[in-house]
């Protein structure tokens, strides 16, 4: 007698259950499906089923006649569900289509894989963190917990917005991309479904419950593809008569720079693209701790919140990034803000580098709806609650970096990088700086000791023997020559300071940071070009200040 159903084997059922850690694959269902038997200590209780995506027999839900018996009984055609959801998907095949069940299955397996590798951290109950519900609604809060797609938290101190804005939040008919939730300490952002429930708890605090969409799908750096390479200032790079190509982490770096520096709503073909960073920078460039946090929140938004008005699971501009570990905004250069960023790519690989991001706001006229949002945000920025901002700046502590200082890198920076900076700066110096003076003299130093006449062996000994704190590049511009102004000299320095985990390029000990790198990240020719440009600009600024002081 022919077999009427193409059933799963025991090993296939076991495989389907184990691949989702015995948890139901239905999104939002928190039911585990296996546990101890209540009366027999030698048994386990299984409340899950290996359900067929395409039915095992003719007449069943989602039956596909073109499949072979082997395909119907294979793991590819199965999904692990709790008993309730297994029954539901078979009773309503029109709602629970094969395409939907395949999405459920992939999402559940991805979630189990991340949990297995500890790639996701649960938000700790009672942990204070920064929370964003909209660009004008940001506050410190306390996480209560999540049940399925419902996330609950307590509101503490408002940074932007107020109680009235909060109470009206769930009632507003906003576009999906403006209804989102971002939890800073978790590197997590989600689009919100309709509705927002709140009440005042026993402590007099507002307790909020929102419903979130599933997290977005992420792509690998390989899937990101390639693009034309550009310099730190946006100029396209050409080699051998053709455009240079860039892929992998370097391409991703360019995508981050492009998206973070694009003023929100300025791209006419896709008005939901863009970033609030230029606006944050204008308001908080003198309050770096707060600017760092706002920039981090904006990066989390760009990596987790789709820009499409229709899609809820894809189309986030930075969906190849998993989490942001550190953000440090540094000194500007020709309309670009230097930003040191440490992050994890979607596959969990750590990466860090200094990026150069546009901070100038776009001059195009926003539409009426955006004007209201921008006006409200600017009004908030005009009178920031300083005490709350300072408190918020101390809430999050970045994860400790693991890579210690490397004397080999320090020696290479002294022997190779400093001379290269001088060489690259020379054309601009000869055109803009040197003609203003009678002569100039350059030198280098290690911990303020001049090394102009020392051998390579002396330098190696100085680096490897002691705990070098800094190396320096120095120039003396002698005898400024211009009618009507007394002659003067200009002393310009460039230092590389060494911390336990990274090195930073600055004009002085207390000056602004120009560039920052971890020891295991190679300093590129584009990085050196940017540093050289900073140095030339710094010398021009020093000269201009001296002229103005003598007038």
Protein backbone atom coordinates (compact mmCIF):
# COMPACT_ATOMS: atom_id res chain seq x y z
CA UNK A 1 0.00 0.00 0.00
CA UNK A 2 1.45 3.41 -1.00
CA UNK A 3 2.34 5.86 1.74
CA UNK A 4 -0.33 8.64 1.87
CA UNK A 5 1.69 11.22 3.81
CA UNK A 6 5.28 12.34 3.46
CA UNK A 7 6.05 12.61 7.17
CA UNK A 8 9.22 13.97 8.76
CA UNK A 9 11.66 11.46 10.22
CA UNK A 10 12.57 11.62 13.91
CA UNK A 11 15.98 13.07 13.05
CA UNK A 12 14.36 15.79 10.89
CA UNK A 13 11.96 16.76 13.69
CA UNK A 14 14.85 16.92 16.13
CA UNK A 15 16.86 19.07 13.73
CA UNK A 16 13.98 21.53 13.22
CA UNK A 17 13.47 21.89 16.98
CA UNK A 18 17.13 22.27 17.80
CA UNK A 19 17.77 24.88 15.09
CA UNK A 20 15.41 27.27 16.91
CA UNK A 21 16.44 26.17 20.44
CA UNK A 22 13.04 24.51 20.93
CA UNK A 23 11.26 27.87 20.81
CA UNK A 24 8.18 28.54 18.70
CA UNK A 25 9.08 30.18 15.36
CA UNK A 26 6.01 32.42 15.34
CA UNK A 27 7.20 36.04 15.71
CA UNK A 28 6.34 37.40 19.13
CA UNK A 29 5.58 33.98 20.63
CA UNK A 30 7.79 33.49 23.69
CA UNK A 31 6.72 29.88 24.32
CA UNK A 32 9.48 27.35 24.80
CA UNK A 33 8.32 23.92 23.73
CA UNK A 34 10.32 21.54 25.88
CA UNK A 35 10.82 21.15 29.61
CA UNK A 36 10.60 18.77 32.56
CA UNK A 37 7.73 16.34 32.93
CA UNK A 38 5.71 17.35 35.97
CA UNK A 39 5.28 13.93 37.58
CA UNK A 40 8.08 11.78 36.16
CA UNK A 41 11.65 13.03 36.82
CA UNK A 42 12.96 10.70 34.08
CA UNK A 43 10.87 12.26 31.30
CA UNK A 44 10.64 15.54 29.39
CA UNK A 45 7.49 17.24 28.11
CA UNK A 46 7.38 18.40 24.47
CA UNK A 47 4.70 20.92 23.52
CA UNK A 48 6.01 21.70 20.03
CA UNK A 49 5.48 20.32 16.53
CA UNK A 50 7.44 20.07 13.31
CA UNK A 51 4.85 21.57 10.97
CA UNK A 52 4.89 21.21 7.19
CA UNK A 53 5.22 24.44 5.20
CA UNK A 54 3.77 22.66 2.16
CA UNK A 55 1.34 19.94 3.25
CA UNK A 56 2.49 16.33 3.58
CA UNK A 57 -0.51 15.04 1.61
CA UNK A 58 -2.93 16.08 -1.13
CA UNK A 59 -5.68 18.34 0.21
CA UNK A 60 -3.60 19.68 3.07
CA UNK A 61 -2.78 23.35 3.64
CA UNK A 62 -0.39 24.86 1.12
CA UNK A 63 0.05 21.51 -0.72
CA UNK A 64 2.43 21.78 -3.68
CA UNK A 65 2.03 18.99 -6.19
CA UNK A 66 5.32 19.66 -7.96
CA UNK A 67 7.34 18.63 -4.89
CA UNK A 68 8.83 15.15 -4.60
CA UNK A 69 8.20 13.01 -1.47
CA UNK A 70 11.81 13.62 -0.45
CA UNK A 71 11.38 17.39 -0.70
CA UNK A 72 8.13 17.31 1.32
CA UNK A 73 9.78 15.37 4.15
CA UNK A 74 13.03 17.34 4.17
CA UNK A 75 14.00 19.94 6.83
CA UNK A 76 13.65 22.68 4.19
CA UNK A 77 9.87 22.08 4.19
CA UNK A 78 9.51 22.19 7.97
CA UNK A 79 9.07 24.82 10.67
CA UNK A 80 9.09 24.30 14.45
CA UNK A 81 6.02 25.75 16.20
CA UNK A 82 4.25 25.46 19.54
CA UNK A 83 1.08 23.33 19.47
CA UNK A 84 -1.18 26.40 19.33
CA UNK A 85 0.56 28.04 16.38
CA UNK A 86 0.99 24.72 14.56
CA UNK A 87 -2.78 24.33 14.72
CA UNK A 88 -3.38 27.95 13.66
CA UNK A 89 -1.21 27.82 10.52
CA UNK A 90 -2.99 24.70 9.31
CA UNK A 91 -6.48 26.09 9.95
CA UNK A 92 -5.89 29.32 8.01
CA UNK A 93 -3.64 28.65 5.03
CA UNK A 94 -4.78 31.86 3.33
CA UNK A 95 -3.32 33.99 6.12
CA UNK A 96 -0.32 31.80 6.91
CA UNK A 97 1.12 31.42 3.42
CA UNK A 98 4.20 29.39 2.55
CA UNK A 99 6.14 32.64 1.97
CA UNK A 100 5.21 33.93 5.42
CA UNK A 101 6.19 30.68 7.15
CA UNK A 102 9.57 30.72 5.41
CA UNK A 103 10.17 34.26 6.70
CA UNK A 104 9.22 33.08 10.22
CA UNK A 105 11.59 30.15 9.97
CA UNK A 106 14.59 32.19 8.85
CA UNK A 107 13.98 34.85 11.49
CA UNK A 108 13.69 32.25 14.27
CA UNK A 109 16.88 30.46 13.20
CA UNK A 110 18.76 33.77 12.93
CA UNK A 111 17.59 34.75 16.41
CA UNK A 112 18.71 31.40 17.86
CA UNK A 113 22.11 31.75 16.17
CA UNK A 114 22.66 35.20 17.63
CA UNK A 115 21.64 34.04 21.10
CA UNK A 116 23.93 31.01 20.82
CA UNK A 117 26.93 33.22 19.96
CA UNK A 118 25.92 35.81 22.54
CA UNK A 119 25.75 38.33 19.72
CA UNK A 120 22.71 39.96 21.31
CA UNK A 121 22.44 41.11 24.88
CA UNK A 122 19.10 41.26 26.57
CA UNK A 123 18.16 44.60 28.05
CA UNK A 124 18.62 44.28 31.80
CA UNK A 125 15.57 44.97 33.90
CA UNK A 126 16.01 48.16 35.87
CA UNK A 127 18.84 49.44 33.69
CA UNK A 128 18.77 53.20 33.11
CA UNK A 129 19.34 54.15 29.50
CA UNK A 130 18.62 56.81 26.90
CA UNK A 131 15.40 56.20 24.94
CA UNK A 132 14.14 57.89 21.78
CA UNK A 133 10.55 57.77 20.52
CA UNK A 134 11.01 60.52 17.94
CA UNK A 135 13.48 63.23 17.01
CA UNK A 136 11.75 65.60 19.48
CA UNK A 137 10.92 63.01 22.17
CA UNK A 138 14.02 61.75 24.00
CA UNK A 139 14.44 60.86 27.67
CA UNK A 140 16.33 58.78 30.19
CA UNK A 141 14.28 55.76 31.16
CA UNK A 142 14.24 52.38 32.83
CA UNK A 143 13.59 49.16 30.97
CA UNK A 144 10.78 47.00 32.42
CA UNK A 145 10.66 44.09 29.96
CA UNK A 146 9.36 42.64 26.69
CA UNK A 147 6.62 40.14 26.01
CA UNK A 148 6.41 39.22 22.38
CA UNK A 149 6.11 42.43 20.37
CA UNK A 150 5.20 44.53 23.44
CA UNK A 151 8.02 46.51 25.03
CA UNK A 152 7.53 48.33 28.33
CA UNK A 153 9.66 51.00 29.97
CA UNK A 154 9.45 53.84 32.50
CA UNK A 155 10.09 57.48 31.60
CA UNK A 156 12.40 59.43 33.91
CA UNK A 157 13.96 62.73 32.79
CA UNK A 158 13.07 64.40 29.49
CA UNK A 159 15.88 65.63 27.28
CA UNK A 160 13.61 66.66 24.41
CA UNK A 161 9.83 66.84 24.66
CA UNK A 162 7.54 66.77 27.67
CA UNK A 163 4.68 64.81 29.25
CA UNK A 164 2.05 66.33 26.96
CA UNK A 165 4.05 65.36 23.87
CA UNK A 166 4.46 61.86 25.29
CA UNK A 167 0.72 61.43 26.00
CA UNK A 168 -0.16 62.50 22.47
CA UNK A 169 2.48 60.32 20.86
CA UNK A 170 0.28 57.25 20.37
CA UNK A 171 -2.56 59.34 18.98
CA UNK A 172 -0.64 61.07 16.22
CA UNK A 173 -1.11 59.76 12.71
CA UNK A 174 2.59 59.82 11.84
CA UNK A 175 4.45 58.12 9.04
CA UNK A 176 6.01 54.75 10.02
CA UNK A 177 9.57 56.05 9.74
CA UNK A 178 8.77 58.66 12.41
CA UNK A 179 7.24 56.11 14.76
CA UNK A 180 10.23 54.33 16.15
CA UNK A 181 11.89 53.34 19.40
CA UNK A 182 15.65 53.40 20.04
CA UNK A 183 17.32 52.00 23.16
CA UNK A 184 20.85 53.36 23.45
CA UNK A 185 22.38 50.77 25.77
CA UNK A 186 21.14 47.93 23.53
CA UNK A 187 22.12 49.35 20.14
CA UNK A 188 18.52 48.53 19.27
CA UNK A 189 15.93 50.36 17.22
CA UNK A 190 12.51 49.23 16.00
CA UNK A 191 9.62 50.65 14.03
CA UNK A 192 6.46 50.94 16.11
CA UNK A 193 3.06 49.56 15.28
CA UNK A 194 -0.08 51.61 15.89
CA UNK A 195 -1.06 52.51 19.43
CA UNK A 196 0.76 53.43 22.61
CA UNK A 197 -0.47 52.55 26.10
CA UNK A 198 0.68 54.46 29.17
CA UNK A 199 -0.22 54.90 32.81
CA UNK A 200 1.27 56.54 35.91
CA UNK A 201 2.79 53.92 38.20
CA UNK A 202 2.98 53.91 42.01
CA UNK A 203 6.15 56.03 41.91
CA UNK A 204 4.41 58.74 39.89
CA UNK A 205 6.36 57.83 36.73
CA UNK A 206 4.91 57.31 33.27
CA UNK A 207 5.06 53.64 32.29
CA UNK A 208 4.82 53.12 28.54
CA UNK A 209 4.01 50.01 26.50
CA UNK A 210 4.50 50.04 22.73
CA UNK A 211 4.19 47.35 20.06
CA UNK A 212 7.25 46.92 17.84
CA UNK A 213 7.80 45.41 14.42
CA UNK A 214 10.38 42.59 14.09
CA UNK A 215 14.00 43.69 13.74
CA UNK A 216 15.23 44.45 10.25
CA UNK A 217 17.14 42.00 8.08
CA UNK A 218 20.83 42.69 7.87
CA UNK A 219 23.28 42.17 5.04
CA UNK A 220 26.96 41.27 4.95
CA UNK A 221 29.73 43.52 3.69
CA UNK A 222 29.99 41.23 0.67
CA UNK A 223 26.31 41.81 -0.12
CA UNK A 224 26.90 45.56 0.20
CA UNK A 225 28.92 45.34 -3.02
CA UNK A 226 31.40 47.94 -4.27
CA UNK A 227 31.55 51.57 -5.34
CA UNK A 228 33.94 54.19 -6.69
CA UNK A 229 36.54 55.11 -4.08
CA UNK A 230 36.63 58.66 -2.76
CA UNK A 231 39.07 60.69 -0.68
CA UNK A 232 38.23 62.01 2.78
CA UNK A 233 36.92 65.24 1.18
CA UNK A 234 34.71 63.45 -1.34
CA UNK A 235 36.98 63.72 -4.38
CA UNK A 236 36.88 60.59 -6.54
CA UNK A 237 40.12 58.62 -6.64
CA UNK A 238 41.69 57.77 -9.99
CA UNK A 239 44.55 55.35 -10.68
CA UNK A 240 46.04 54.37 -14.05
CA UNK A 241 43.48 56.51 -15.86
CA UNK A 242 40.44 54.84 -14.31
CA UNK A 243 38.29 55.23 -11.21
CA UNK A 244 39.47 53.23 -8.20
CA UNK A 245 36.99 50.72 -6.80
CA UNK A 246 36.37 50.11 -3.13
CA UNK A 247 34.60 47.23 -1.38
CA UNK A 248 34.29 45.59 2.02
CA UNK A 249 34.97 47.71 5.11
CA UNK A 250 36.28 50.68 3.09
CA UNK A 251 33.09 50.80 1.02
CA UNK A 252 31.02 50.50 4.21
CA UNK A 253 32.99 53.40 5.69
CA UNK A 254 32.07 55.59 2.71
CA UNK A 255 28.39 54.59 3.01
CA UNK A 256 28.39 55.56 6.70
CA UNK A 257 30.04 58.91 5.95
CA UNK A 258 27.58 59.61 3.15
CA UNK A 259 24.44 58.76 5.14
CA UNK A 260 25.46 60.40 8.41
CA UNK A 261 26.41 63.62 6.62
CA UNK A 262 23.31 63.83 4.40
CA UNK A 263 20.90 66.35 6.01
CA UNK A 264 17.54 64.75 6.63
CA UNK A 265 15.06 65.25 3.79
CA UNK A 266 17.59 66.86 1.45
CA UNK A 267 17.53 64.13 -1.21
CA UNK A 268 14.54 64.92 -3.41
CA UNK A 269 14.31 61.42 -4.90
CA UNK A 270 14.11 59.78 -1.48
CA UNK A 271 13.02 62.37 1.10
CA UNK A 272 13.06 59.91 4.01
CA UNK A 273 16.82 59.47 3.63
CA UNK A 274 19.27 61.50 5.62
CA UNK A 275 20.47 62.22 9.12
CA UNK A 276 19.88 64.66 11.95
CA UNK A 277 23.64 64.78 12.63
CA UNK A 278 24.19 68.17 10.91
CA UNK A 279 21.47 69.68 13.12
CA UNK A 280 22.87 68.01 16.25
CA UNK A 281 26.33 69.29 15.36
CA UNK A 282 25.13 72.89 14.94
CA UNK A 283 23.48 72.79 18.35
CA UNK A 284 26.01 70.78 20.37
CA UNK A 285 29.47 71.26 18.84
CA UNK A 286 30.50 72.93 22.12
CA UNK A 287 29.09 70.08 24.24
CA UNK A 288 31.01 67.07 22.97
CA UNK A 289 29.76 64.50 25.53
CA UNK A 290 26.17 65.14 24.48
CA UNK A 291 27.07 65.39 20.77
CA UNK A 292 28.80 62.00 21.00
CA UNK A 293 25.67 60.41 22.46
CA UNK A 294 23.31 62.02 19.97
CA UNK A 295 25.58 60.94 17.11
CA UNK A 296 25.56 57.38 18.45
CA UNK A 297 21.76 57.41 18.68
CA UNK A 298 21.59 58.69 15.10
CA UNK A 299 23.87 55.89 13.89
CA UNK A 300 21.64 53.35 15.67
CA UNK A 301 18.61 54.89 13.93
CA UNK A 302 20.30 54.66 10.54
CA UNK A 303 21.26 51.01 11.07
CA UNK A 304 17.88 49.82 12.40
CA UNK A 305 15.07 52.05 11.08
CA UNK A 306 13.96 51.65 7.43
CA UNK A 307 13.60 54.78 5.33
CA UNK A 308 10.83 53.30 3.18
CA UNK A 309 7.24 54.26 3.95
CA UNK A 310 6.11 50.72 3.13
CA UNK A 311 8.81 48.32 4.26
CA UNK A 312 9.20 47.42 7.94
CA UNK A 313 11.98 44.83 7.77
CA UNK A 314 14.54 46.22 5.31
CA UNK A 315 15.86 49.37 3.63
CA UNK A 316 17.74 50.72 6.67
CA UNK A 317 20.68 52.70 5.23
CA UNK A 318 23.30 51.07 7.50
CA UNK A 319 21.80 47.58 7.75
CA UNK A 320 25.27 46.05 7.46
CA UNK A 321 26.15 47.30 10.97
CA UNK A 322 25.19 45.30 14.07
CA UNK A 323 26.15 47.62 16.93
CA UNK A 324 27.99 50.84 17.75
CA UNK A 325 30.57 50.57 20.52
CA UNK A 326 32.08 54.07 20.65
CA UNK A 327 31.56 57.46 19.03
CA UNK A 328 33.92 60.41 19.50
CA UNK A 329 33.40 63.62 17.51
CA UNK A 330 36.67 65.44 16.87
CA UNK A 331 37.96 68.65 15.28
CA UNK A 332 36.39 69.85 12.00
CA UNK A 333 38.24 70.05 8.69
CA UNK A 334 36.91 72.09 5.76
CA UNK A 335 33.23 71.53 6.55
CA UNK A 336 33.77 67.93 7.68
CA UNK A 337 33.65 66.62 11.25
CA UNK A 338 36.19 63.99 12.20
CA UNK A 339 34.40 61.16 14.03
CA UNK A 340 36.10 58.15 15.55
CA UNK A 341 33.73 55.17 15.47
CA UNK A 342 34.09 51.65 16.82
CA UNK A 343 31.45 49.15 15.73
CA UNK A 344 30.60 45.56 14.91
CA UNK A 345 29.67 44.58 11.37
CA UNK A 346 26.64 42.34 10.86
CA UNK A 347 28.80 39.19 11.16
CA UNK A 348 30.14 40.30 14.56
CA UNK A 349 33.56 41.43 13.29
CA UNK A 350 34.94 44.44 15.18
CA UNK A 351 36.10 47.53 13.24
CA UNK A 352 37.06 51.11 14.05
CA UNK A 353 38.34 54.14 12.16
CA UNK A 354 38.15 57.91 11.85
CA UNK A 355 35.47 59.12 9.43
CA UNK A 356 35.01 62.55 7.89
CA UNK A 357 31.36 63.58 7.85
CA UNK A 358 29.60 66.65 6.48
CA UNK A 359 28.14 68.77 9.28
CA UNK A 360 26.67 71.59 7.22
CA UNK A 361 22.91 71.76 7.00
CA UNK A 362 21.25 71.75 3.61
CA UNK A 363 19.90 75.02 2.22
CA UNK A 364 16.90 73.44 0.45
CA UNK A 365 13.47 74.34 1.78
CA UNK A 366 11.86 71.41 3.71
CA UNK A 367 8.18 70.60 3.29
CA UNK A 368 5.57 71.85 5.76
CA UNK A 369 5.59 68.69 7.89
CA UNK A 370 9.38 68.66 8.16
CA UNK A 371 9.40 72.39 8.97
CA UNK A 372 7.24 71.74 12.03
CA UNK A 373 9.55 68.96 13.25
CA UNK A 374 12.70 71.03 12.60
CA UNK A 375 11.24 74.15 14.25
CA UNK A 376 10.29 72.16 17.34
CA UNK A 377 13.72 70.54 17.49
CA UNK A 378 15.49 73.88 17.13
CA UNK A 379 13.29 75.38 19.84
CA UNK A 380 14.33 72.51 22.08
CA UNK A 381 17.99 73.07 21.24
CA UNK A 382 17.81 76.80 22.02
CA UNK A 383 17.16 76.10 25.69
CA UNK A 384 18.61 72.64 26.46
CA UNK A 385 18.09 71.35 30.01
CA UNK A 386 21.82 71.41 30.77
CA UNK A 387 21.72 69.42 34.01
CA UNK A 388 19.74 66.64 32.33
CA UNK A 389 22.08 66.58 29.34
CA UNK A 390 25.10 66.27 31.60
CA UNK A 391 23.37 63.49 33.53
CA UNK A 392 22.50 61.67 30.30
CA UNK A 393 26.09 61.96 29.11
CA UNK A 394 27.20 59.80 32.04
CA UNK A 395 24.58 57.04 31.75
CA UNK A 396 26.23 54.89 29.10
CA UNK A 397 29.72 53.49 29.53
CA UNK A 398 31.29 51.98 26.43
CA UNK A 399 32.63 48.45 26.42
CA UNK A 400 36.33 48.24 27.28
CA UNK A 401 38.59 47.89 24.30
CA UNK A 402 40.86 44.86 24.40
CA UNK A 403 43.79 45.81 22.14
CA UNK A 404 46.80 47.20 24.00
CA UNK A 405 49.41 49.70 22.72
CA UNK A 406 51.86 48.40 20.14
CA UNK A 407 55.45 49.71 20.11
CA UNK A 408 55.92 48.50 16.54
CA UNK A 409 53.09 50.77 15.43
CA UNK A 410 54.57 53.68 17.41
CA UNK A 411 57.95 53.22 15.74
CA UNK A 412 56.36 53.03 12.28
CA UNK A 413 54.39 56.20 12.95
CA UNK A 414 57.60 58.02 13.87
CA UNK A 415 59.79 56.64 11.07
CA UNK A 416 57.25 56.61 8.24
CA UNK A 417 54.03 58.47 9.00
CA UNK A 418 55.45 61.77 10.30
CA UNK A 419 57.78 62.22 7.29
CA UNK A 420 54.91 61.36 4.94
CA UNK A 421 52.70 64.00 6.57
CA UNK A 422 55.44 66.59 5.91
CA UNK A 423 55.80 65.44 2.29
CA UNK A 424 52.07 65.56 1.57
CA UNK A 425 51.71 68.96 3.24
CA UNK A 426 54.58 70.48 1.23
CA UNK A 427 52.64 71.56 -1.91
CA UNK A 428 50.04 73.47 0.14
CA UNK A 429 52.76 74.88 2.41
CA UNK A 430 54.77 76.14 -0.57
CA UNK A 431 51.69 77.79 -2.06
CA UNK A 432 49.96 79.17 1.04
CA UNK A 433 52.40 79.37 3.98
CA UNK A 434 56.09 79.56 3.07
CA UNK A 435 55.84 82.68 0.82
CA UNK A 436 54.67 84.65 3.88
CA UNK A 437 57.91 83.99 5.82
CA UNK A 438 61.66 84.39 5.33
CA UNK A 439 62.49 80.78 6.29
CA UNK A 440 61.22 77.68 8.02
CA UNK A 441 62.62 74.74 10.00
CA UNK A 442 61.04 71.34 10.76
CA UNK A 443 61.94 68.78 13.42
CA UNK A 444 60.48 65.73 15.17
CA UNK A 445 60.47 64.60 18.79
CA UNK A 446 59.73 61.70 21.13
CA UNK A 447 58.30 62.79 24.48
CA UNK A 448 59.43 66.36 23.72
CA UNK A 449 63.03 65.26 23.05
CA UNK A 450 64.30 66.31 19.62
CA UNK A 451 65.42 63.41 17.39
CA UNK A 452 66.63 65.27 14.34
CA UNK A 453 70.17 63.85 14.47
CA UNK A 454 69.55 60.42 16.00
CA UNK A 455 69.97 57.12 14.19
CA UNK A 456 67.20 54.60 13.54
CA UNK A 457 68.67 52.41 16.28
CA UNK A 458 68.43 55.29 18.77
CA UNK A 459 64.80 55.82 17.87
CA UNK A 460 64.00 52.11 18.15
CA UNK A 461 65.63 51.99 21.58
CA UNK A 462 63.66 55.03 22.77
CA UNK A 463 60.37 53.48 21.66
CA UNK A 464 60.93 49.93 22.89
CA UNK A 465 62.74 50.80 26.13
CA UNK A 466 60.31 53.28 27.59
CA UNK A 467 56.57 53.92 27.72
CA UNK A 468 56.40 56.60 25.00
CA UNK A 469 53.55 59.02 25.62
CA UNK A 470 53.81 61.10 22.46
CA UNK A 471 55.72 61.78 19.27
CA UNK A 472 55.76 65.16 17.59
CA UNK A 473 56.27 67.05 14.37
CA UNK A 474 57.29 70.71 14.70
CA UNK A 475 57.75 73.65 12.36
CA UNK A 476 59.11 77.14 13.01
CA UNK A 477 58.06 79.75 10.44
CA UNK A 478 60.53 82.61 10.82
CA UNK A 479 60.18 86.28 9.88
CA UNK A 480 56.65 87.04 8.67
CA UNK A 481 57.03 89.55 5.84
CA UNK A 482 54.17 91.86 5.02
CA UNK A 483 54.04 95.63 4.81
CA UNK A 484 52.38 97.29 7.77
CA UNK A 485 52.83 94.33 10.12
CA UNK A 486 55.79 93.76 12.45
CA UNK A 487 57.80 90.61 11.75
CA UNK A 488 56.96 87.59 13.88
CA UNK A 489 57.58 83.84 14.05
CA UNK A 490 54.97 81.07 14.14
CA UNK A 491 55.50 77.79 15.98
CA UNK A 492 53.24 74.96 14.78
CA UNK A 493 53.11 71.48 16.30
CA UNK A 494 51.49 68.17 15.45
CA UNK A 495 51.50 65.46 18.12
CA UNK A 496 50.48 61.80 18.15
CA UNK A 497 49.49 60.88 21.71
CA UNK A 498 49.44 57.22 22.77
CA UNK A 499 46.77 55.75 25.01
CA UNK A 500 46.50 52.13 26.12
CA UNK A 501 44.16 51.23 23.27
CA UNK A 502 44.46 53.91 20.58
CA UNK A 503 46.52 56.84 19.36
CA UNK A 504 45.21 60.35 18.68
CA UNK A 505 46.56 63.14 16.46
CA UNK A 506 46.29 66.65 17.97
CA UNK A 507 47.99 70.06 17.65
CA UNK A 508 48.68 70.18 21.40
CA UNK A 509 48.00 68.28 24.60
CA UNK A 510 44.74 70.15 25.23
CA UNK A 511 43.88 70.81 21.60
CA UNK A 512 41.10 69.25 19.51
CA UNK A 513 41.52 65.69 18.22
CA UNK A 514 42.17 65.56 14.47
CA UNK A 515 42.33 61.81 14.01
CA UNK A 516 42.05 58.65 16.10
CA UNK A 517 42.95 55.00 15.46
CA UNK A 518 43.18 51.69 17.27
CA UNK A 519 46.64 50.12 17.13
CA UNK A 520 45.55 47.21 14.94
CA UNK A 521 43.93 49.45 12.29
CA UNK A 522 46.29 50.55 9.53
CA UNK A 523 46.61 54.28 8.92
CA UNK A 524 45.88 54.78 5.22
CA UNK A 525 47.15 57.30 2.68
CA UNK A 526 43.76 59.03 2.84
CA UNK A 527 44.08 59.33 6.61
CA UNK A 528 47.52 60.93 6.20
CA UNK A 529 46.18 63.33 3.57
CA UNK A 530 43.46 64.44 5.97
CA UNK A 531 45.95 64.91 8.83
CA UNK A 532 48.28 66.91 6.57
CA UNK A 533 45.37 69.13 5.53
CA UNK A 534 44.50 69.70 9.20
CA UNK A 535 48.08 70.73 9.93
CA UNK A 536 48.22 73.21 7.03
CA UNK A 537 44.90 74.69 8.11
CA UNK A 538 46.16 74.91 11.69
CA UNK A 539 49.30 76.82 10.61
CA UNK A 540 47.21 79.21 8.51
CA UNK A 541 44.95 79.83 11.53
CA UNK A 542 47.94 80.52 13.81
CA UNK A 543 49.33 82.99 11.28
CA UNK A 544 46.00 84.79 10.88
CA UNK A 545 45.56 85.10 14.64
CA UNK A 546 49.03 86.62 15.01
CA UNK A 547 48.32 89.16 12.25
CA UNK A 548 45.02 90.15 13.86
CA UNK A 549 46.69 90.48 17.27
CA UNK A 550 49.24 92.95 15.87
CA UNK A 551 46.75 95.17 14.05
